[in-house]
Amino acid sequence: MLNIEIRGERYKVNDKGEIQRTDMEDTISGEWVFLGVSFHHWRTGVDILFHPNTNPRNYIGGILWDRDHGTVRAWGGSYNGILPRITRAWKEKG
């Protein structure tokens, strides 16, 4: 199980890439999928695709890309005046 922290919130990602919010629900719906990360705000695609064997440190500093109910998007907005990026990433058994 991959754990990522972004905007001060923690998310879990299983080996299929399905995302779970750790603060709201205990189950994974399968409709929200981690696709990977990009490293420049002008980038229109993913630089590092998600793979369960990728070193989690490779995602740190990246802008998260996901597919939520069929819509592909890069996370945007601002967090403390900057784009939200992955600040921590680690694996745990689960």
N, C-alpha and C. Protein backbone atom coordinates (compact mmCIF):
# COMPACT_ATOMS: atom_id res chain seq x y z
N MET A 1 0.85 -1.17 0.00
CA MET A 1 0.00 0.00 0.00
C MET A 1 0.90 1.24 0.00
N LEU A 2 0.68 2.11 -0.99
CA LEU A 2 1.41 3.37 -1.08
C LEU A 2 0.65 4.42 -0.28
N ASN A 3 1.36 5.17 0.52
CA ASN A 3 0.79 6.30 1.25
C ASN A 3 1.38 7.57 0.67
N ILE A 4 0.52 8.56 0.42
CA ILE A 4 1.01 9.85 -0.03
C ILE A 4 0.39 10.94 0.82
N GLU A 5 1.14 12.01 0.99
CA GLU A 5 0.63 13.17 1.73
C GLU A 5 0.69 14.36 0.80
N ILE A 6 -0.45 15.05 0.71
CA ILE A 6 -0.56 16.22 -0.16
C ILE A 6 -1.54 17.18 0.51
N ARG A 7 -1.21 18.46 0.53
CA ARG A 7 -2.02 19.47 1.22
C ARG A 7 -2.22 19.13 2.70
N GLY A 8 -1.28 18.42 3.28
CA GLY A 8 -1.39 18.05 4.68
C GLY A 8 -2.34 16.90 4.95
N GLU A 9 -2.89 16.29 3.91
CA GLU A 9 -3.81 15.17 4.06
C GLU A 9 -3.16 13.90 3.51
N ARG A 10 -3.47 12.77 4.15
CA ARG A 10 -2.89 11.50 3.75
C ARG A 10 -3.89 10.68 2.93
N TYR A 11 -3.39 10.03 1.89
CA TYR A 11 -4.18 9.16 1.03
C TYR A 11 -3.46 7.83 0.90
N LYS A 12 -4.24 6.76 0.72
CA LYS A 12 -3.67 5.44 0.48
C LYS A 12 -3.96 5.05 -0.96
N VAL A 13 -3.00 4.37 -1.59
CA VAL A 13 -3.14 3.91 -2.97
C VAL A 13 -2.80 2.43 -3.00
N ASN A 14 -3.74 1.60 -3.46
CA ASN A 14 -3.46 0.17 -3.52
C ASN A 14 -2.67 -0.17 -4.79
N ASP A 15 -2.35 -1.44 -5.00
CA ASP A 15 -1.53 -1.85 -6.14
C ASP A 15 -2.19 -1.62 -7.48
N LYS A 16 -3.51 -1.43 -7.50
CA LYS A 16 -4.23 -1.13 -8.75
C LYS A 16 -4.25 0.37 -9.03
N GLY A 17 -3.77 1.18 -8.07
CA GLY A 17 -3.77 2.62 -8.21
C GLY A 17 -5.01 3.28 -7.63
N GLU A 18 -5.89 2.51 -7.03
CA GLU A 18 -7.13 3.06 -6.47
C GLU A 18 -6.82 3.84 -5.19
N ILE A 19 -7.39 5.04 -5.11
CA ILE A 19 -7.09 5.96 -4.01
C ILE A 19 -8.17 5.87 -2.94
N GLN A 20 -7.72 6.01 -1.69
CA GLN A 20 -8.62 6.06 -0.55
C GLN A 20 -8.24 7.25 0.32
N ARG A 21 -9.23 8.07 0.66
CA ARG A 21 -9.00 9.14 1.64
C ARG A 21 -8.97 8.51 3.01
N THR A 22 -7.99 8.81 3.79
CA THR A 22 -7.87 8.18 5.10
C THR A 22 -8.72 8.87 6.16
N ASP A 23 -9.21 10.06 5.88
CA ASP A 23 -9.99 10.79 6.89
C ASP A 23 -11.49 10.59 6.75
N MET A 24 -11.98 9.92 5.69
CA MET A 24 -13.41 9.86 5.49
C MET A 24 -14.00 8.46 5.38
N GLU A 25 -13.30 7.54 4.75
CA GLU A 25 -13.91 6.25 4.49
C GLU A 25 -12.90 5.13 4.62
N ASP A 26 -13.40 3.94 4.89
CA ASP A 26 -12.53 2.79 5.06
C ASP A 26 -12.43 1.93 3.81
N THR A 27 -13.23 2.21 2.79
CA THR A 27 -13.23 1.37 1.60
C THR A 27 -12.73 2.15 0.39
N ILE A 28 -12.32 1.41 -0.63
CA ILE A 28 -11.88 2.01 -1.88
C ILE A 28 -12.95 1.73 -2.92
N SER A 29 -13.41 2.78 -3.61
CA SER A 29 -14.52 2.63 -4.55
C SER A 29 -14.09 2.07 -5.90
N GLY A 30 -12.83 2.29 -6.28
CA GLY A 30 -12.38 1.87 -7.60
C GLY A 30 -12.63 2.92 -8.67
N GLU A 31 -13.32 3.99 -8.34
CA GLU A 31 -13.63 5.05 -9.30
C GLU A 31 -12.63 6.20 -9.25
N TRP A 32 -11.72 6.15 -8.29
CA TRP A 32 -10.73 7.22 -8.12
C TRP A 32 -9.35 6.59 -8.19
N VAL A 33 -8.60 6.88 -9.24
CA VAL A 33 -7.36 6.16 -9.53
C VAL A 33 -6.19 7.14 -9.68
N PHE A 34 -5.08 6.80 -9.03
CA PHE A 34 -3.83 7.56 -9.11
C PHE A 34 -3.13 7.18 -10.41
N LEU A 35 -2.91 8.16 -11.29
CA LEU A 35 -2.28 7.91 -12.58
C LEU A 35 -0.77 8.14 -12.55
N GLY A 36 -0.33 9.10 -11.75
CA GLY A 36 1.09 9.43 -11.66
C GLY A 36 1.28 10.88 -11.29
N VAL A 37 2.47 11.41 -11.59
CA VAL A 37 2.79 12.79 -11.24
C VAL A 37 3.50 13.50 -12.38
N SER A 38 3.39 14.81 -12.39
CA SER A 38 4.20 15.66 -13.26
C SER A 38 4.94 16.64 -12.37
N PHE A 39 5.98 17.27 -12.91
CA PHE A 39 6.82 18.12 -12.07
C PHE A 39 6.85 19.58 -12.47
N HIS A 40 6.16 19.95 -13.52
CA HIS A 40 6.10 21.35 -13.90
C HIS A 40 4.64 21.74 -14.10
N HIS A 41 4.28 22.92 -13.62
CA HIS A 41 2.87 23.32 -13.66
C HIS A 41 2.34 23.55 -15.07
N TRP A 42 3.19 23.70 -16.06
CA TRP A 42 2.72 23.83 -17.44
C TRP A 42 2.57 22.48 -18.13
N ARG A 43 3.02 21.44 -17.51
CA ARG A 43 2.99 20.10 -18.11
C ARG A 43 1.54 19.66 -18.33
N THR A 44 1.28 19.07 -19.49
CA THR A 44 -0.08 18.63 -19.82
C THR A 44 -0.21 17.12 -19.79
N GLY A 45 0.72 16.46 -19.15
CA GLY A 45 0.68 15.00 -19.04
C GLY A 45 1.52 14.53 -17.88
N VAL A 46 1.53 13.24 -17.69
CA VAL A 46 2.21 12.62 -16.56
C VAL A 46 3.69 12.37 -16.90
N ASP A 47 4.58 12.72 -15.97
CA ASP A 47 6.01 12.46 -16.14
C ASP A 47 6.38 11.06 -15.63
N ILE A 48 5.84 10.69 -14.48
CA ILE A 48 6.09 9.36 -13.91
C ILE A 48 4.74 8.68 -13.70
N LEU A 49 4.49 7.63 -14.44
CA LEU A 49 3.26 6.86 -14.30
C LEU A 49 3.29 6.05 -13.01
N PHE A 50 2.12 5.83 -12.44
CA PHE A 50 2.04 4.99 -11.25
C PHE A 50 2.34 3.54 -11.61
N HIS A 51 3.13 2.91 -10.78
CA HIS A 51 3.37 1.47 -10.84
C HIS A 51 3.63 1.04 -9.40
N PRO A 52 3.06 -0.09 -8.97
CA PRO A 52 3.21 -0.49 -7.56
C PRO A 52 4.65 -0.71 -7.13
N ASN A 53 5.57 -0.95 -8.06
CA ASN A 53 6.97 -1.19 -7.69
C ASN A 53 7.85 0.05 -7.77
N THR A 54 7.28 1.19 -8.15
CA THR A 54 8.05 2.43 -8.21
C THR A 54 8.44 2.87 -6.80
N ASN A 55 9.66 3.35 -6.66
CA ASN A 55 10.12 3.88 -5.37
C ASN A 55 9.25 5.08 -5.02
N PRO A 56 8.59 5.08 -3.85
CA PRO A 56 7.69 6.18 -3.48
C PRO A 56 8.37 7.55 -3.49
N ARG A 57 9.66 7.59 -3.22
CA ARG A 57 10.38 8.87 -3.21
C ARG A 57 10.34 9.56 -4.57
N ASN A 58 10.15 8.79 -5.63
CA ASN A 58 10.09 9.37 -6.98
C ASN A 58 8.87 10.27 -7.16
N TYR A 59 7.84 10.10 -6.36
CA TYR A 59 6.62 10.91 -6.47
C TYR A 59 6.70 12.22 -5.69
N ILE A 60 7.63 12.32 -4.75
CA ILE A 60 7.72 13.51 -3.90
C ILE A 60 8.04 14.74 -4.73
N GLY A 61 7.30 15.79 -4.51
CA GLY A 61 7.47 17.04 -5.25
C GLY A 61 6.62 17.11 -6.51
N GLY A 62 5.92 16.02 -6.82
CA GLY A 62 5.12 15.97 -8.03
C GLY A 62 3.70 16.46 -7.83
N ILE A 63 3.11 16.93 -8.92
CA ILE A 63 1.69 17.29 -8.95
C ILE A 63 0.92 16.03 -9.29
N LEU A 64 -0.06 15.69 -8.49
CA LEU A 64 -0.78 14.44 -8.65
C LEU A 64 -1.76 14.49 -9.81
N TRP A 65 -1.77 13.42 -10.61
CA TRP A 65 -2.74 13.22 -11.69
C TRP A 65 -3.62 12.04 -11.31
N ASP A 66 -4.92 12.19 -11.51
CA ASP A 66 -5.83 11.10 -11.20
C ASP A 66 -6.93 10.98 -12.24
N ARG A 67 -7.69 9.91 -12.13
CA ARG A 67 -8.90 9.73 -12.93
C ARG A 67 -10.01 9.52 -11.92
N ASP A 68 -10.97 10.42 -11.90
CA ASP A 68 -12.06 10.36 -10.95
C ASP A 68 -13.37 10.21 -11.72
N HIS A 69 -13.98 9.03 -11.62
CA HIS A 69 -15.21 8.73 -12.36
C HIS A 69 -15.07 9.06 -13.85
N GLY A 70 -13.91 8.72 -14.42
CA GLY A 70 -13.68 8.88 -15.85
C GLY A 70 -13.02 10.18 -16.27
N THR A 71 -12.93 11.15 -15.39
CA THR A 71 -12.33 12.44 -15.73
C THR A 71 -10.87 12.47 -15.28
N VAL A 72 -9.96 12.70 -16.23
CA VAL A 72 -8.53 12.80 -15.92
C VAL A 72 -8.22 14.24 -15.56
N ARG A 73 -7.45 14.42 -14.48
CA ARG A 73 -7.15 15.79 -14.04
C ARG A 73 -5.83 15.83 -13.27
N ALA A 74 -5.23 16.99 -13.27
CA ALA A 74 -4.08 17.28 -12.42
C ALA A 74 -4.61 18.09 -11.25
N TRP A 75 -4.15 17.80 -10.05
CA TRP A 75 -4.61 18.54 -8.89
C TRP A 75 -4.11 19.97 -8.99
N GLY A 76 -4.99 20.90 -8.71
CA GLY A 76 -4.66 22.31 -8.83
C GLY A 76 -5.04 23.07 -7.58
N GLY A 77 -5.34 24.34 -7.78
CA GLY A 77 -5.64 25.20 -6.65
C GLY A 77 -4.34 25.66 -6.02
N SER A 78 -4.43 26.11 -4.79
CA SER A 78 -3.21 26.49 -4.09
C SER A 78 -3.30 26.03 -2.64
N TYR A 79 -2.15 25.78 -2.08
CA TYR A 79 -2.04 25.37 -0.69
C TYR A 79 -0.91 26.19 -0.10
N ASN A 80 -1.24 27.06 0.83
CA ASN A 80 -0.27 28.01 1.39
C ASN A 80 0.39 28.83 0.29
N GLY A 81 -0.39 29.19 -0.74
CA GLY A 81 0.09 30.05 -1.81
C GLY A 81 0.84 29.36 -2.93
N ILE A 82 0.96 28.04 -2.87
CA ILE A 82 1.67 27.31 -3.93
C ILE A 82 0.81 26.15 -4.42
N LEU A 83 1.16 25.60 -5.58
CA LEU A 83 0.45 24.43 -6.09
C LEU A 83 0.60 23.26 -5.13
N PRO A 84 -0.46 22.49 -4.95
CA PRO A 84 -0.34 21.33 -4.06
C PRO A 84 0.52 20.24 -4.70
N ARG A 85 1.52 19.81 -3.98
CA ARG A 85 2.42 18.76 -4.46
C ARG A 85 2.53 17.67 -3.40
N ILE A 86 2.96 16.51 -3.81
CA ILE A 86 3.16 15.43 -2.86
C ILE A 86 4.37 15.78 -2.00
N THR A 87 4.17 15.81 -0.69
CA THR A 87 5.25 16.19 0.22
C THR A 87 5.87 14.98 0.90
N ARG A 88 5.12 13.90 1.02
CA ARG A 88 5.64 12.65 1.60
C ARG A 88 5.05 11.47 0.84
N ALA A 89 5.82 10.41 0.72
CA ALA A 89 5.33 9.19 0.09
C ALA A 89 6.11 8.01 0.68
N TRP A 90 5.39 6.96 1.07
CA TRP A 90 6.01 5.80 1.64
C TRP A 90 5.11 4.58 1.47
N LYS A 91 5.70 3.41 1.60
CA LYS A 91 4.93 2.17 1.45
C LYS A 91 4.78 1.50 2.81
N GLU A 92 3.65 0.80 2.96
CA GLU A 92 3.43 -0.02 4.14
C GLU A 92 2.65 -1.25 3.70
N LYS A 93 2.75 -2.28 4.45
CA LYS A 93 1.99 -3.49 4.13
C LYS A 93 0.53 -3.24 4.48
N GLY A 94 -0.35 -3.70 3.64
CA GLY A 94 -1.76 -3.45 3.94
C GLY A 94 -2.58 -4.09 2.93
